[in-house]
Amino acid sequence: MPLTFRRALPDDVAAAVPLIYSSGPAAFDYAFACTTKGNAQDFLRWVFVRGRGQFGYRQHWVGTQDGQVLASGTAQSGEGNLANLLLAASQIIRFYGPLQCWKVLWRGVQLERIIAPPPKRTFYLAHLGVSSASTGQGIGSQLIDFLLQQGRVAGFSRCALDVAASNPRAQALYERLGFALQRENASHLPGIAAHRYLQRPL
């Protein structure tokens, strides 16, 4: 089932956001569903259509077949950590408002102790999602292979990602694709599993 990959568009929001969310529902809910403003996907949809930042459509790729979005993911340089952090903070403040944003911001800081920002000069893959109706058909491998090629073209020499310790199936896929475990960050947060940082050369 070969996919065609392209940059995401605002109109992809209905298909892409559930895939983004599926890459880490526990973490997304912990950070973005802790207020009365709405659930995590409400925030992700709001940010996605605006385009900017690590959750915006401009940062994401989608894999399609017959016009249907079956996969989504993003990749970014560790050198953009500070810019992404500042933009995400401003988006959180705008969406949640001055009274409720502080809880979201604080929970984001706590999550970064478990899912740490990538090192500089590292091509970091994130928000990897595949349609639940299409799992087991090699789509995840196609998505990662495509993103790895983007990293090579951009001149990176190494690539990394994080995976929850509670998701051994995903870790097995990443290891088959050449990623090796570098470290595990224990979790002290309720409902959040330890996360493992994997890396491979490009």
N, C-alpha and C. Protein backbone atom coordinates (compact mmCIF):
# COMPACT_ATOMS: atom_id res chain seq x y z
N MET A 1 0.84 -1.19 0.00
CA MET A 1 0.00 0.00 0.00
C MET A 1 0.88 1.25 0.00
N PRO A 2 1.43 1.62 -1.16
CA PRO A 2 2.29 2.81 -1.20
C PRO A 2 1.51 4.09 -0.98
N LEU A 3 2.08 4.99 -0.19
CA LEU A 3 1.45 6.27 0.10
C LEU A 3 2.11 7.39 -0.69
N THR A 4 1.36 8.46 -0.88
CA THR A 4 1.89 9.70 -1.43
C THR A 4 1.99 10.69 -0.28
N PHE A 5 3.19 11.27 -0.10
CA PHE A 5 3.40 12.20 1.00
C PHE A 5 3.41 13.63 0.50
N ARG A 6 2.84 14.51 1.30
CA ARG A 6 2.81 15.94 0.98
C ARG A 6 2.75 16.73 2.28
N ARG A 7 3.01 18.02 2.16
CA ARG A 7 2.84 18.90 3.31
C ARG A 7 1.36 18.96 3.71
N ALA A 8 1.13 19.01 4.99
CA ALA A 8 -0.25 19.14 5.47
C ALA A 8 -0.82 20.50 5.11
N LEU A 9 -2.14 20.56 5.02
CA LEU A 9 -2.88 21.78 4.72
C LEU A 9 -3.91 22.02 5.83
N PRO A 10 -4.39 23.25 5.97
CA PRO A 10 -5.42 23.50 7.00
C PRO A 10 -6.63 22.58 6.87
N ASP A 11 -7.01 22.25 5.64
CA ASP A 11 -8.18 21.40 5.42
C ASP A 11 -7.98 19.97 5.90
N ASP A 12 -6.75 19.60 6.24
CA ASP A 12 -6.46 18.25 6.74
C ASP A 12 -6.77 18.11 8.23
N VAL A 13 -7.26 19.16 8.85
CA VAL A 13 -7.39 19.16 10.31
C VAL A 13 -8.23 18.00 10.83
N ALA A 14 -9.34 17.67 10.18
CA ALA A 14 -10.22 16.62 10.69
C ALA A 14 -9.55 15.25 10.66
N ALA A 15 -8.68 15.01 9.69
CA ALA A 15 -8.00 13.72 9.59
C ALA A 15 -6.68 13.71 10.35
N ALA A 16 -5.95 14.82 10.31
CA ALA A 16 -4.60 14.84 10.87
C ALA A 16 -4.58 14.93 12.38
N VAL A 17 -5.46 15.73 12.97
CA VAL A 17 -5.40 15.93 14.43
C VAL A 17 -5.62 14.63 15.20
N PRO A 18 -6.59 13.78 14.84
CA PRO A 18 -6.70 12.51 15.56
C PRO A 18 -5.44 11.64 15.44
N LEU A 19 -4.73 11.73 14.32
CA LEU A 19 -3.49 10.98 14.16
C LEU A 19 -2.39 11.56 15.05
N ILE A 20 -2.30 12.88 15.10
CA ILE A 20 -1.34 13.53 15.99
C ILE A 20 -1.62 13.13 17.43
N TYR A 21 -2.88 13.21 17.80
CA TYR A 21 -3.29 12.86 19.17
C TYR A 21 -2.95 11.41 19.49
N SER A 22 -3.13 10.51 18.53
CA SER A 22 -2.90 9.08 18.76
C SER A 22 -1.43 8.78 19.05
N SER A 23 -0.54 9.70 18.71
CA SER A 23 0.90 9.46 18.96
C SER A 23 1.25 9.53 20.44
N GLY A 24 0.38 10.10 21.25
CA GLY A 24 0.65 10.19 22.68
C GLY A 24 -0.54 10.70 23.46
N PRO A 25 -1.67 9.98 23.42
CA PRO A 25 -2.89 10.50 24.04
C PRO A 25 -2.76 10.79 25.53
N ALA A 26 -2.04 9.97 26.26
CA ALA A 26 -1.90 10.21 27.70
C ALA A 26 -1.18 11.53 27.97
N ALA A 27 -0.11 11.77 27.23
CA ALA A 27 0.65 13.02 27.42
C ALA A 27 -0.16 14.22 26.97
N PHE A 28 -0.84 14.12 25.83
CA PHE A 28 -1.66 15.23 25.36
C PHE A 28 -2.78 15.55 26.36
N ASP A 29 -3.42 14.50 26.88
CA ASP A 29 -4.50 14.74 27.84
C ASP A 29 -3.97 15.34 29.14
N TYR A 30 -2.81 14.86 29.57
CA TYR A 30 -2.24 15.39 30.81
C TYR A 30 -1.99 16.89 30.69
N ALA A 31 -1.45 17.30 29.55
CA ALA A 31 -1.09 18.72 29.38
C ALA A 31 -2.27 19.59 29.01
N PHE A 32 -3.10 19.13 28.08
CA PHE A 32 -4.06 20.04 27.45
C PHE A 32 -5.52 19.80 27.83
N ALA A 33 -5.80 18.79 28.66
CA ALA A 33 -7.19 18.54 29.04
C ALA A 33 -7.38 18.71 30.55
N CYS A 34 -6.62 19.62 31.12
CA CYS A 34 -6.63 19.80 32.58
C CYS A 34 -7.40 21.04 33.01
N THR A 35 -8.16 21.65 32.09
CA THR A 35 -8.93 22.85 32.40
C THR A 35 -10.36 22.65 31.91
N THR A 36 -11.16 23.68 32.07
CA THR A 36 -12.54 23.63 31.58
C THR A 36 -12.67 24.15 30.15
N LYS A 37 -11.55 24.47 29.52
CA LYS A 37 -11.58 25.08 28.20
C LYS A 37 -11.98 24.10 27.11
N GLY A 38 -11.63 22.83 27.27
CA GLY A 38 -11.92 21.85 26.24
C GLY A 38 -10.96 20.69 26.36
N ASN A 39 -11.08 19.72 25.45
CA ASN A 39 -10.18 18.58 25.51
C ASN A 39 -8.91 18.84 24.71
N ALA A 40 -8.00 17.88 24.73
CA ALA A 40 -6.70 18.07 24.08
C ALA A 40 -6.85 18.29 22.58
N GLN A 41 -7.77 17.57 21.95
CA GLN A 41 -7.93 17.72 20.50
C GLN A 41 -8.53 19.08 20.13
N ASP A 42 -9.29 19.68 21.03
CA ASP A 42 -9.77 21.04 20.76
C ASP A 42 -8.60 21.99 20.61
N PHE A 43 -7.63 21.89 21.51
CA PHE A 43 -6.44 22.74 21.42
C PHE A 43 -5.63 22.41 20.18
N LEU A 44 -5.44 21.12 19.90
CA LEU A 44 -4.65 20.73 18.74
C LEU A 44 -5.28 21.22 17.44
N ARG A 45 -6.60 21.14 17.33
CA ARG A 45 -7.27 21.65 16.13
C ARG A 45 -7.08 23.16 15.99
N TRP A 46 -7.20 23.87 17.09
CA TRP A 46 -7.05 25.32 17.08
C TRP A 46 -5.65 25.73 16.61
N VAL A 47 -4.64 25.04 17.10
CA VAL A 47 -3.27 25.36 16.72
C VAL A 47 -2.97 24.89 15.30
N PHE A 48 -3.44 23.69 14.94
CA PHE A 48 -3.13 23.11 13.63
C PHE A 48 -3.52 24.05 12.50
N VAL A 49 -4.74 24.57 12.53
CA VAL A 49 -5.21 25.38 11.41
C VAL A 49 -4.51 26.73 11.34
N ARG A 50 -3.89 27.16 12.44
CA ARG A 50 -3.14 28.42 12.42
C ARG A 50 -1.77 28.26 11.80
N GLY A 51 -1.29 27.06 11.72
CA GLY A 51 -0.11 26.78 10.91
C GLY A 51 1.23 26.82 11.60
N ARG A 52 1.40 27.69 12.58
CA ARG A 52 2.73 27.90 13.14
C ARG A 52 3.00 26.96 14.31
N GLY A 53 4.31 26.72 14.56
CA GLY A 53 4.71 25.96 15.73
C GLY A 53 4.69 24.46 15.53
N GLN A 54 5.06 23.75 16.59
CA GLN A 54 5.23 22.31 16.50
C GLN A 54 3.92 21.55 16.28
N PHE A 55 2.78 22.18 16.52
CA PHE A 55 1.49 21.53 16.29
C PHE A 55 0.78 22.08 15.05
N GLY A 56 1.38 23.02 14.35
CA GLY A 56 0.74 23.64 13.19
C GLY A 56 0.85 22.79 11.94
N TYR A 57 -0.06 23.02 11.01
CA TYR A 57 -0.06 22.23 9.77
C TYR A 57 1.21 22.41 8.96
N ARG A 58 1.83 23.59 9.04
CA ARG A 58 3.03 23.82 8.24
C ARG A 58 4.20 22.93 8.66
N GLN A 59 4.14 22.43 9.88
CA GLN A 59 5.22 21.59 10.40
C GLN A 59 4.98 20.11 10.09
N HIS A 60 3.80 19.76 9.61
CA HIS A 60 3.44 18.36 9.47
C HIS A 60 3.40 17.89 8.02
N TRP A 61 3.66 16.59 7.87
CA TRP A 61 3.49 15.89 6.60
C TRP A 61 2.33 14.91 6.76
N VAL A 62 1.64 14.63 5.68
CA VAL A 62 0.61 13.60 5.68
C VAL A 62 0.88 12.62 4.56
N GLY A 63 0.52 11.37 4.82
CA GLY A 63 0.60 10.32 3.81
C GLY A 63 -0.80 9.97 3.35
N THR A 64 -1.04 10.00 2.06
CA THR A 64 -2.38 9.80 1.53
C THR A 64 -2.42 8.64 0.55
N GLN A 65 -3.61 8.09 0.42
CA GLN A 65 -3.89 7.10 -0.62
C GLN A 65 -5.29 7.36 -1.13
N ASP A 66 -5.42 7.53 -2.42
CA ASP A 66 -6.71 7.85 -3.03
C ASP A 66 -7.36 9.07 -2.37
N GLY A 67 -6.52 10.04 -2.01
CA GLY A 67 -7.01 11.28 -1.42
C GLY A 67 -7.32 11.21 0.06
N GLN A 68 -7.19 10.04 0.68
CA GLN A 68 -7.49 9.87 2.10
C GLN A 68 -6.21 9.93 2.92
N VAL A 69 -6.23 10.72 4.00
CA VAL A 69 -5.06 10.83 4.88
C VAL A 69 -5.01 9.61 5.79
N LEU A 70 -3.91 8.83 5.68
CA LEU A 70 -3.76 7.63 6.48
C LEU A 70 -2.63 7.73 7.49
N ALA A 71 -1.76 8.73 7.35
CA ALA A 71 -0.63 8.86 8.26
C ALA A 71 -0.25 10.32 8.38
N SER A 72 0.36 10.65 9.51
CA SER A 72 0.80 12.02 9.73
C SER A 72 2.00 12.01 10.66
N GLY A 73 2.88 12.99 10.48
CA GLY A 73 4.04 13.10 11.36
C GLY A 73 4.77 14.40 11.11
N THR A 74 5.71 14.67 11.97
CA THR A 74 6.52 15.87 11.84
C THR A 74 7.96 15.55 12.20
N ALA A 75 8.85 16.42 11.82
CA ALA A 75 10.25 16.31 12.20
C ALA A 75 10.82 17.71 12.32
N GLN A 76 11.69 17.88 13.28
CA GLN A 76 12.24 19.22 13.51
C GLN A 76 13.65 19.10 14.04
N SER A 77 14.40 20.17 13.90
CA SER A 77 15.76 20.21 14.42
C SER A 77 15.75 20.56 15.89
N GLY A 78 16.65 19.94 16.64
CA GLY A 78 16.80 20.30 18.04
C GLY A 78 17.21 21.75 18.23
N GLU A 79 17.73 22.36 17.18
CA GLU A 79 18.11 23.77 17.28
C GLU A 79 16.90 24.69 17.39
N GLY A 80 15.73 24.18 17.08
CA GLY A 80 14.53 24.99 17.17
C GLY A 80 13.79 24.87 18.49
N ASN A 81 14.43 24.24 19.49
CA ASN A 81 13.74 23.99 20.76
C ASN A 81 13.22 25.27 21.41
N LEU A 82 14.06 26.27 21.52
CA LEU A 82 13.67 27.49 22.22
C LEU A 82 12.54 28.20 21.48
N ALA A 83 12.66 28.32 20.16
CA ALA A 83 11.61 28.99 19.38
C ALA A 83 10.29 28.25 19.51
N ASN A 84 10.34 26.90 19.45
CA ASN A 84 9.11 26.12 19.59
C ASN A 84 8.49 26.29 20.97
N LEU A 85 9.34 26.33 21.99
CA LEU A 85 8.85 26.49 23.36
C LEU A 85 8.15 27.83 23.55
N LEU A 86 8.77 28.89 23.06
CA LEU A 86 8.19 30.22 23.23
C LEU A 86 6.88 30.36 22.45
N LEU A 87 6.85 29.83 21.24
CA LEU A 87 5.62 29.92 20.45
C LEU A 87 4.51 29.08 21.08
N ALA A 88 4.85 27.87 21.55
CA ALA A 88 3.84 27.03 22.20
C ALA A 88 3.28 27.72 23.43
N ALA A 89 4.14 28.38 24.20
CA ALA A 89 3.68 29.09 25.40
C ALA A 89 2.70 30.20 25.02
N SER A 90 3.01 30.94 23.97
CA SER A 90 2.10 32.02 23.56
C SER A 90 0.78 31.47 23.06
N GLN A 91 0.80 30.33 22.36
CA GLN A 91 -0.44 29.72 21.87
C GLN A 91 -1.29 29.21 23.04
N ILE A 92 -0.65 28.64 24.03
CA ILE A 92 -1.37 28.16 25.21
C ILE A 92 -2.04 29.33 25.93
N ILE A 93 -1.32 30.41 26.08
CA ILE A 93 -1.89 31.59 26.76
C ILE A 93 -3.10 32.11 25.99
N ARG A 94 -2.99 32.18 24.66
CA ARG A 94 -4.10 32.69 23.85
C ARG A 94 -5.31 31.77 23.90
N PHE A 95 -5.09 30.46 23.86
CA PHE A 95 -6.21 29.53 23.80
C PHE A 95 -6.89 29.39 25.17
N TYR A 96 -6.09 29.25 26.22
CA TYR A 96 -6.66 28.95 27.54
C TYR A 96 -6.97 30.20 28.35
N GLY A 97 -6.41 31.34 27.96
CA GLY A 97 -6.69 32.56 28.68
C GLY A 97 -5.78 32.73 29.90
N PRO A 98 -5.76 33.94 30.45
CA PRO A 98 -4.81 34.26 31.51
C PRO A 98 -5.04 33.53 32.83
N LEU A 99 -6.24 33.01 33.04
CA LEU A 99 -6.52 32.35 34.32
C LEU A 99 -6.21 30.85 34.28
N GLN A 100 -6.45 30.22 33.12
CA GLN A 100 -6.28 28.76 33.05
C GLN A 100 -4.98 28.32 32.39
N CYS A 101 -4.28 29.22 31.75
CA CYS A 101 -3.08 28.82 31.00
C CYS A 101 -1.96 28.32 31.92
N TRP A 102 -1.92 28.80 33.16
CA TRP A 102 -0.78 28.48 34.02
C TRP A 102 -0.72 27.00 34.36
N LYS A 103 -1.87 26.38 34.52
CA LYS A 103 -1.88 24.95 34.82
C LYS A 103 -1.33 24.15 33.63
N VAL A 104 -1.72 24.56 32.42
CA VAL A 104 -1.23 23.88 31.21
C VAL A 104 0.27 24.09 31.05
N LEU A 105 0.73 25.31 31.24
CA LEU A 105 2.16 25.59 31.12
C LEU A 105 2.96 24.78 32.13
N TRP A 106 2.47 24.71 33.37
CA TRP A 106 3.19 23.97 34.40
C TRP A 106 3.25 22.48 34.07
N ARG A 107 2.15 21.94 33.57
CA ARG A 107 2.15 20.53 33.22
C ARG A 107 3.07 20.26 32.03
N GLY A 108 3.18 21.21 31.13
CA GLY A 108 4.12 21.06 30.02
C GLY A 108 5.56 20.98 30.51
N VAL A 109 5.89 21.81 31.49
CA VAL A 109 7.24 21.76 32.08
C VAL A 109 7.49 20.41 32.73
N GLN A 110 6.50 19.87 33.42
CA GLN A 110 6.66 18.56 34.05
C GLN A 110 6.88 17.46 33.00
N LEU A 111 6.14 17.54 31.89
CA LEU A 111 6.29 16.53 30.84
C LEU A 111 7.68 16.56 30.22
N GLU A 112 8.28 17.75 30.14
CA GLU A 112 9.59 17.85 29.51
C GLU A 112 10.68 17.15 30.31
N ARG A 113 10.41 16.81 31.55
CA ARG A 113 11.36 16.01 32.33
C ARG A 113 11.35 14.56 31.89
N ILE A 114 10.25 14.16 31.22
CA ILE A 114 10.09 12.78 30.78
C ILE A 114 10.29 12.66 29.27
N ILE A 115 9.77 13.64 28.54
CA ILE A 115 9.94 13.70 27.09
C ILE A 115 10.76 14.95 26.81
N ALA A 116 12.06 14.82 26.91
CA ALA A 116 12.96 15.97 26.86
C ALA A 116 13.12 16.48 25.43
N PRO A 117 13.33 17.79 25.25
CA PRO A 117 13.64 18.32 23.92
C PRO A 117 14.89 17.67 23.36
N PRO A 118 14.96 17.48 22.04
CA PRO A 118 16.11 16.80 21.45
C PRO A 118 17.37 17.66 21.46
N PRO A 119 18.55 17.03 21.40
CA PRO A 119 19.80 17.80 21.31
C PRO A 119 19.87 18.57 19.99
N LYS A 120 20.74 19.57 19.97
CA LYS A 120 20.97 20.32 18.74
C LYS A 120 21.56 19.40 17.67
N ARG A 121 21.33 19.79 16.42
CA ARG A 121 21.80 19.05 15.25
C ARG A 121 21.27 17.62 15.23
N THR A 122 20.11 17.43 15.82
CA THR A 122 19.43 16.14 15.78
C THR A 122 18.09 16.32 15.07
N PHE A 123 17.81 15.45 14.12
CA PHE A 123 16.55 15.48 13.39
C PHE A 123 15.57 14.64 14.18
N TYR A 124 14.59 15.28 14.79
CA TYR A 124 13.73 14.63 15.77
C TYR A 124 12.34 14.38 15.19
N LEU A 125 11.91 13.12 15.21
CA LEU A 125 10.60 12.74 14.69
C LEU A 125 9.57 12.77 15.80
N ALA A 126 8.38 13.26 15.50
CA ALA A 126 7.34 13.36 16.51
C ALA A 126 5.96 13.28 15.88
N HIS A 127 4.96 13.07 16.72
CA HIS A 127 3.55 13.06 16.32
C HIS A 127 3.28 12.03 15.22
N LEU A 128 3.96 10.89 15.30
CA LEU A 128 3.80 9.85 14.29
C LEU A 128 2.50 9.11 14.51
N GLY A 129 1.58 9.20 13.56
CA GLY A 129 0.29 8.56 13.70
C GLY A 129 -0.15 7.87 12.42
N VAL A 130 -0.78 6.72 12.58
CA VAL A 130 -1.31 5.95 11.45
C VAL A 130 -2.77 5.63 11.73
N SER A 131 -3.61 5.74 10.73
CA SER A 131 -5.02 5.42 10.87
C SER A 131 -5.20 4.03 11.47
N SER A 132 -6.09 3.93 12.45
CA SER A 132 -6.29 2.64 13.13
C SER A 132 -6.79 1.57 12.16
N ALA A 133 -7.46 1.97 11.10
CA ALA A 133 -7.96 1.00 10.12
C ALA A 133 -6.86 0.51 9.18
N SER A 134 -5.67 1.12 9.27
CA SER A 134 -4.60 0.80 8.33
C SER A 134 -3.34 0.29 9.01
N THR A 135 -3.42 -0.03 10.30
CA THR A 135 -2.25 -0.54 10.99
C THR A 135 -1.89 -1.93 10.48
N GLY A 136 -0.60 -2.28 10.61
CA GLY A 136 -0.14 -3.58 10.18
C GLY A 136 0.05 -3.73 8.69
N GLN A 137 0.04 -2.61 7.96
CA GLN A 137 0.18 -2.66 6.51
C GLN A 137 1.45 -1.95 6.02
N GLY A 138 2.36 -1.68 6.94
CA GLY A 138 3.63 -1.05 6.55
C GLY A 138 3.56 0.45 6.41
N ILE A 139 2.46 1.07 6.81
CA ILE A 139 2.31 2.51 6.64
C ILE A 139 3.25 3.27 7.57
N GLY A 140 3.37 2.78 8.82
CA GLY A 140 4.29 3.44 9.75
C GLY A 140 5.71 3.43 9.24
N SER A 141 6.14 2.33 8.65
CA SER A 141 7.50 2.25 8.09
C SER A 141 7.67 3.24 6.94
N GLN A 142 6.65 3.35 6.08
CA GLN A 142 6.73 4.30 4.98
C GLN A 142 6.85 5.73 5.49
N LEU A 143 6.06 6.05 6.52
CA LEU A 143 6.11 7.39 7.09
C LEU A 143 7.49 7.71 7.63
N ILE A 144 8.06 6.79 8.40
CA ILE A 144 9.37 7.04 8.99
C ILE A 144 10.44 7.10 7.91
N ASP A 145 10.40 6.20 6.94
CA ASP A 145 11.37 6.23 5.85
C ASP A 145 11.32 7.58 5.11
N PHE A 146 10.11 8.08 4.89
CA PHE A 146 9.97 9.37 4.22
C PHE A 146 10.61 10.48 5.04
N LEU A 147 10.32 10.52 6.34
CA LEU A 147 10.86 11.57 7.19
C LEU A 147 12.39 11.45 7.31
N LEU A 148 12.91 10.24 7.36
CA LEU A 148 14.36 10.07 7.41
C LEU A 148 15.02 10.66 6.16
N GLN A 149 14.38 10.48 5.03
CA GLN A 149 14.93 11.05 3.80
C GLN A 149 14.95 12.57 3.85
N GLN A 150 13.92 13.16 4.46
CA GLN A 150 13.92 14.62 4.63
C GLN A 150 15.10 15.07 5.48
N GLY A 151 15.41 14.29 6.50
CA GLY A 151 16.56 14.62 7.34
C GLY A 151 17.87 14.53 6.60
N ARG A 152 18.01 13.54 5.75
CA ARG A 152 19.25 13.41 4.96
C ARG A 152 19.40 14.58 4.00
N VAL A 153 18.32 14.93 3.34
CA VAL A 153 18.35 16.04 2.39
C VAL A 153 18.73 17.33 3.11
N ALA A 154 18.26 17.48 4.35
CA ALA A 154 18.55 18.69 5.12
C ALA A 154 19.95 18.69 5.72
N GLY A 155 20.69 17.59 5.57
CA GLY A 155 22.08 17.56 6.01
C GLY A 155 22.31 17.08 7.43
N PHE A 156 21.33 16.43 8.05
CA PHE A 156 21.51 15.91 9.39
C PHE A 156 22.26 14.58 9.36
N SER A 157 22.99 14.29 10.41
CA SER A 157 23.72 13.03 10.49
C SER A 157 23.10 12.05 11.48
N ARG A 158 22.13 12.51 12.27
CA ARG A 158 21.48 11.61 13.23
C ARG A 158 20.02 11.99 13.39
N CYS A 159 19.24 10.97 13.77
CA CYS A 159 17.81 11.15 13.92
C CYS A 159 17.40 10.51 15.24
N ALA A 160 16.35 11.03 15.86
CA ALA A 160 15.92 10.50 17.15
C ALA A 160 14.40 10.61 17.28
N LEU A 161 13.88 9.89 18.26
CA LEU A 161 12.47 9.96 18.61
C LEU A 161 12.30 9.43 20.03
N ASP A 162 11.13 9.64 20.58
CA ASP A 162 10.77 9.10 21.89
C ASP A 162 9.60 8.15 21.73
N VAL A 163 9.55 7.14 22.61
CA VAL A 163 8.43 6.22 22.61
C VAL A 163 8.10 5.88 24.06
N ALA A 164 6.82 5.75 24.36
CA ALA A 164 6.39 5.38 25.70
C ALA A 164 6.78 3.94 25.99
N ALA A 165 7.23 3.69 27.21
CA ALA A 165 7.58 2.32 27.60
C ALA A 165 6.37 1.40 27.53
N SER A 166 5.18 1.98 27.56
CA SER A 166 3.95 1.20 27.48
C SER A 166 3.55 0.86 26.05
N ASN A 167 4.41 1.20 25.07
CA ASN A 167 4.10 0.95 23.66
C ASN A 167 5.21 0.11 23.02
N PRO A 168 5.36 -1.15 23.46
CA PRO A 168 6.45 -1.98 22.92
C PRO A 168 6.32 -2.28 21.43
N ARG A 169 5.10 -2.27 20.91
CA ARG A 169 4.92 -2.53 19.47
C ARG A 169 5.57 -1.43 18.65
N ALA A 170 5.37 -0.17 19.05
CA ALA A 170 6.00 0.93 18.33
C ALA A 170 7.51 0.87 18.48
N GLN A 171 8.00 0.57 19.68
CA GLN A 171 9.45 0.49 19.87
C GLN A 171 10.05 -0.60 18.99
N ALA A 172 9.37 -1.73 18.87
CA ALA A 172 9.87 -2.80 18.01
C ALA A 172 9.98 -2.34 16.56
N LEU A 173 9.00 -1.57 16.09
CA LEU A 173 9.06 -1.03 14.73
C LEU A 173 10.27 -0.11 14.59
N TYR A 174 10.45 0.80 15.53
CA TYR A 174 11.56 1.74 15.44
C TYR A 174 12.90 1.00 15.44
N GLU A 175 13.02 -0.03 16.25
CA GLU A 175 14.28 -0.79 16.31
C GLU A 175 14.51 -1.55 15.01
N ARG A 176 13.46 -2.04 14.38
CA ARG A 176 13.62 -2.69 13.07
C ARG A 176 14.11 -1.69 12.02
N LEU A 177 13.79 -0.42 12.22
CA LEU A 177 14.19 0.61 11.27
C LEU A 177 15.53 1.25 11.65
N GLY A 178 16.23 0.66 12.59
CA GLY A 178 17.60 1.09 12.89
C GLY A 178 17.77 1.97 14.10
N PHE A 179 16.71 2.27 14.82
CA PHE A 179 16.83 3.08 16.03
C PHE A 179 17.30 2.21 17.19
N ALA A 180 18.13 2.79 18.04
CA ALA A 180 18.65 2.07 19.20
C ALA A 180 18.37 2.87 20.47
N LEU A 181 18.03 2.16 21.53
CA LEU A 181 17.71 2.80 22.79
C LEU A 181 18.95 3.50 23.37
N GLN A 182 18.78 4.76 23.75
CA GLN A 182 19.85 5.54 24.36
C GLN A 182 19.63 5.71 25.86
N ARG A 183 18.40 5.95 26.26
CA ARG A 183 18.11 6.13 27.69
C ARG A 183 16.61 6.02 27.92
N GLU A 184 16.24 5.81 29.19
CA GLU A 184 14.85 5.80 29.60
C GLU A 184 14.66 6.84 30.69
N ASN A 185 13.66 7.68 30.53
CA ASN A 185 13.33 8.70 31.52
C ASN A 185 12.13 8.22 32.32
N ALA A 186 12.35 8.00 33.60
CA ALA A 186 11.27 7.54 34.47
C ALA A 186 10.20 8.61 34.61
N SER A 187 8.98 8.16 34.87
CA SER A 187 7.86 9.08 35.03
C SER A 187 7.42 9.14 36.49
N HIS A 188 7.15 10.35 36.93
CA HIS A 188 6.59 10.58 38.27
C HIS A 188 5.17 11.11 38.17
N LEU A 189 4.62 11.14 36.94
CA LEU A 189 3.32 11.74 36.71
C LEU A 189 2.24 10.66 36.60
N PRO A 190 1.08 10.89 37.19
CA PRO A 190 0.00 9.88 37.11
C PRO A 190 -0.49 9.70 35.68
N GLY A 191 -0.57 8.44 35.28
CA GLY A 191 -1.09 8.12 33.96
C GLY A 191 -0.08 8.25 32.83
N ILE A 192 1.14 8.69 33.13
CA ILE A 192 2.18 8.87 32.11
C ILE A 192 3.27 7.82 32.31
N ALA A 193 3.49 7.01 31.28
CA ALA A 193 4.53 5.97 31.35
C ALA A 193 5.91 6.59 31.19
N ALA A 194 6.92 5.85 31.62
CA ALA A 194 8.29 6.24 31.31
C ALA A 194 8.45 6.33 29.79
N HIS A 195 9.36 7.19 29.36
CA HIS A 195 9.61 7.34 27.93
C HIS A 195 11.06 6.99 27.60
N ARG A 196 11.23 6.39 26.42
CA ARG A 196 12.54 5.94 25.97
C ARG A 196 12.98 6.76 24.77
N TYR A 197 14.23 7.21 24.83
CA TYR A 197 14.81 8.02 23.76
C TYR A 197 15.65 7.11 22.88
N LEU A 198 15.29 7.04 21.59
CA LEU A 198 15.97 6.20 20.62
C LEU A 198 16.63 7.07 19.55
N GLN A 199 17.75 6.58 19.02
CA GLN A 199 18.51 7.36 18.04
C GLN A 199 19.10 6.42 16.99
N ARG A 200 19.31 6.98 15.80
CA ARG A 200 19.99 6.23 14.72
C ARG A 200 20.73 7.21 13.83
N PRO A 201 21.78 6.73 13.16
CA PRO A 201 22.47 7.61 12.21
C PRO A 201 21.66 7.75 10.94
N LEU A 202 21.88 8.88 10.27
CA LEU A 202 21.27 9.09 8.96
C LEU A 202 22.28 8.90 7.85
